[in-house]
Amino acid sequence: MIEVDNKKVLNLFANLSSKKQTKVYKQALTKATNILVKETRNELKKGVKNINTVHTSSSGKYSLSRGIQRKVWKNGEGATVTILGDYRLKFFENGTKIRKTRKGYNRGTIKAQHFFDRAKQNKAKDIQKQLNDLITNSINKIAKKWLKLVKQYTNY
C-alpha cells in the first residue's frame, strides 16, 4: 500500500472526487511504469545486437523496442509492463534450445539475455521510492487545476 505523509496533500486528495482520485493514481502509475519501460529498453540495447532492426508487419514498420509495452488499469489500482508486444522479445529474454530441422540441420540457439529481469531488479526500489512523490505531484497538479477552474467560475 502507498502511504503519503503530508497532511495537506491527504486533505486535497480526500476533497477530490472519486473520478479525480482515480486519475491521480493513473497518472502516478503511468509515470512509474515509464521508468521501468525506459530501463528495459536500455537493458535490451545492451544485450541484443541489431536492436534497431525494423520488422515489417501489416500494421507498419517497428523495431523490437516497441514490443515493450505498459498498461495502466482503468480503475487505477495497478499497472503492468510486458515484453509480449513483439513475439521475438520472449526469445531474447528466455533464450531457446538447440533447434534442428527434420533433416537434422542445425538452426542454432539464442542465449537468454534476461534484460527484463535485470531491468526489474535495477529499478524496483527506485520506483517504490518515487511512487509517493509521483502521487503527491499528481494530487497537487489536479488540485491546482481544480482550484483554478473554481476561481474562474466564481468570478462571474
Protein backbone atom coordinates (compact mmCIF):
# COMPACT_ATOMS: atom_id res chain seq x y z
CA MET A 1 0.00 0.00 0.00
CA ILE A 2 1.13 3.53 -0.75
CA GLU A 3 1.49 5.96 2.16
CA VAL A 4 1.81 9.72 1.83
CA ASP A 5 2.90 11.62 4.96
CA ASN A 6 1.97 15.16 4.01
CA LYS A 7 -1.38 16.05 5.68
CA LYS A 8 -2.18 18.87 3.25
CA VAL A 9 -1.79 16.53 0.33
CA LEU A 10 -4.02 13.95 2.02
CA ASN A 11 -6.68 16.59 2.64
CA LEU A 12 -6.52 17.68 -1.01
CA PHE A 13 -6.83 14.07 -2.06
CA ALA A 14 -9.81 13.49 0.24
CA ASN A 15 -11.57 16.53 -1.25
CA LEU A 16 -11.18 15.26 -4.80
CA SER A 17 -13.99 13.31 -6.40
CA SER A 18 -13.51 9.58 -6.90
CA LYS A 19 -13.02 10.15 -10.63
CA LYS A 20 -10.19 12.60 -9.95
CA GLN A 21 -8.68 10.29 -7.32
CA THR A 22 -8.56 7.54 -9.94
CA LYS A 23 -6.92 9.99 -12.34
CA VAL A 24 -4.24 10.75 -9.73
CA TYR A 25 -3.39 7.07 -9.34
CA LYS A 26 -3.39 6.51 -13.09
CA GLN A 27 -1.02 9.43 -13.69
CA ALA A 28 1.37 8.23 -11.00
CA LEU A 29 1.29 4.64 -12.26
CA THR A 30 1.88 5.81 -15.83
CA LYS A 31 4.99 7.73 -14.79
CA ALA A 32 6.22 4.84 -12.64
CA THR A 33 5.80 2.29 -15.42
CA ASN A 34 7.57 4.61 -17.85
CA ILE A 35 10.64 4.36 -15.61
CA LEU A 36 10.60 0.57 -15.98
CA VAL A 37 9.94 0.73 -19.73
CA LYS A 38 12.92 3.03 -20.28
CA GLU A 39 15.21 0.82 -18.20
CA THR A 40 14.01 -2.28 -20.06
CA ARG A 41 14.77 -0.64 -23.40
CA ASN A 42 18.25 0.29 -22.16
CA GLU A 43 18.92 -3.28 -21.00
CA LEU A 44 17.63 -4.61 -24.32
CA LYS A 45 20.06 -2.35 -26.19
CA LYS A 46 22.94 -3.64 -24.05
CA GLY A 47 22.16 -7.32 -24.59
CA VAL A 48 20.80 -7.65 -28.12
CA LYS A 49 22.69 -6.70 -31.25
CA ASN A 50 20.85 -5.00 -34.11
CA ILE A 51 18.10 -3.76 -31.80
CA ASN A 52 17.06 -1.16 -34.34
CA THR A 53 16.34 -3.79 -36.98
CA VAL A 54 12.97 -2.92 -38.42
CA HIS A 55 10.24 -5.55 -38.55
CA THR A 56 7.56 -5.04 -41.20
CA SER A 57 4.04 -6.20 -40.46
CA SER A 58 0.58 -5.41 -41.77
CA SER A 59 0.35 -2.51 -39.31
CA GLY A 60 3.62 -0.95 -40.47
CA LYS A 61 7.29 -0.94 -39.56
CA TYR A 62 8.60 -1.03 -36.00
CA SER A 63 11.68 -2.03 -34.04
CA LEU A 64 12.00 -4.57 -31.24
CA SER A 65 11.87 -1.93 -28.52
CA ARG A 66 8.27 -1.10 -29.42
CA GLY A 67 7.31 -4.53 -28.13
CA ILE A 68 7.94 -3.34 -24.57
CA GLN A 69 4.55 -2.02 -23.52
CA ARG A 70 2.80 -0.74 -20.42
CA LYS A 71 -0.84 -0.95 -19.47
CA VAL A 72 -2.41 1.03 -16.63
CA TRP A 73 -5.67 -0.44 -15.34
CA LYS A 74 -8.79 1.67 -15.87
CA ASN A 75 -9.64 1.75 -12.18
CA GLY A 76 -6.13 2.98 -11.30
CA GLU A 77 -5.39 0.08 -8.94
CA GLY A 78 -2.41 -1.27 -10.83
CA ALA A 79 -0.34 -1.43 -13.96
CA THR A 80 1.65 -3.97 -15.96
CA VAL A 81 4.71 -3.78 -18.15
CA THR A 82 5.08 -6.56 -20.69
CA ILE A 83 7.54 -7.60 -23.35
CA LEU A 84 5.00 -9.62 -25.28
CA GLY A 85 4.10 -6.77 -27.64
CA ASP A 86 6.60 -8.35 -30.04
CA TYR A 87 6.76 -12.13 -30.06
CA ARG A 88 10.53 -12.11 -30.74
CA LEU A 89 11.36 -10.49 -27.40
CA LYS A 90 10.44 -13.61 -25.43
CA PHE A 91 13.16 -15.50 -27.29
CA PHE A 92 15.78 -12.92 -26.27
CA GLU A 93 14.51 -12.88 -22.68
CA ASN A 94 14.31 -16.65 -22.08
CA GLY A 95 16.61 -17.98 -24.80
CA THR A 96 15.99 -21.05 -26.97
CA LYS A 97 17.11 -24.64 -27.06
CA ILE A 98 19.05 -26.13 -29.95
CA ARG A 99 16.78 -26.10 -32.97
CA LYS A 100 17.12 -28.54 -35.82
CA THR A 101 15.13 -29.20 -38.96
CA ARG A 102 13.56 -32.56 -39.73
CA LYS A 103 16.57 -33.40 -41.85
CA GLY A 104 18.87 -32.67 -38.91
CA TYR A 105 20.29 -29.30 -39.98
CA ASN A 106 21.29 -27.15 -37.04
CA ARG A 107 19.47 -23.79 -36.76
CA GLY A 108 21.27 -22.64 -33.63
CA THR A 109 20.27 -21.28 -30.27
CA ILE A 110 19.65 -17.89 -28.72
CA LYS A 111 21.31 -17.24 -25.37
CA ALA A 112 18.99 -15.95 -22.67
CA GLN A 113 19.62 -12.23 -22.12
CA HIS A 114 17.19 -11.72 -19.19
CA PHE A 115 17.03 -7.99 -19.99
CA PHE A 116 13.54 -7.62 -18.49
CA ASP A 117 14.52 -9.34 -15.23
CA ARG A 118 17.61 -7.13 -14.92
CA ALA A 119 15.54 -4.00 -15.54
CA LYS A 120 13.05 -5.03 -12.84
CA GLN A 121 15.83 -5.67 -10.35
CA ASN A 122 17.59 -2.40 -11.16
CA LYS A 123 14.54 -0.15 -10.89
CA ALA A 124 12.22 -1.84 -8.37
CA LYS A 125 13.49 0.14 -5.38
CA ASP A 126 13.65 3.39 -7.34
CA ILE A 127 10.06 3.03 -8.48
CA GLN A 128 8.83 2.32 -4.96
CA LYS A 129 10.69 5.38 -3.65
CA GLN A 130 9.43 7.63 -6.41
CA LEU A 131 5.81 6.46 -6.34
CA ASN A 132 5.00 8.55 -3.25
CA ASP A 133 6.49 11.62 -4.90
CA LEU A 134 4.66 10.90 -8.15
CA ILE A 135 1.31 10.58 -6.35
CA THR A 136 1.95 13.80 -4.42
CA ASN A 137 2.82 15.65 -7.62
CA SER A 138 -0.27 14.31 -9.38
CA ILE A 139 -2.51 15.37 -6.49
CA ASN A 140 -1.01 18.85 -6.46
CA LYS A 141 -1.34 19.16 -10.24
CA ILE A 142 -5.01 18.17 -10.26
CA ALA A 143 -5.77 20.28 -7.18
CA LYS A 144 -4.20 23.38 -8.77
CA LYS A 145 -6.17 22.83 -11.96
CA TRP A 146 -9.37 22.25 -10.00
CA LEU A 147 -8.84 25.38 -7.87
CA LYS A 148 -8.12 27.40 -10.99
CA LEU A 149 -11.44 26.27 -12.51
CA VAL A 150 -13.31 27.05 -9.29
CA LYS A 151 -11.85 30.56 -9.20
CA GLN A 152 -12.69 31.08 -12.86
CA TYR A 153 -16.37 30.17 -12.38
CA THR A 154 -16.78 32.06 -9.11
CA ASN A 155 -15.58 35.33 -10.65
CA TYR A 156 -18.68 35.56 -12.87
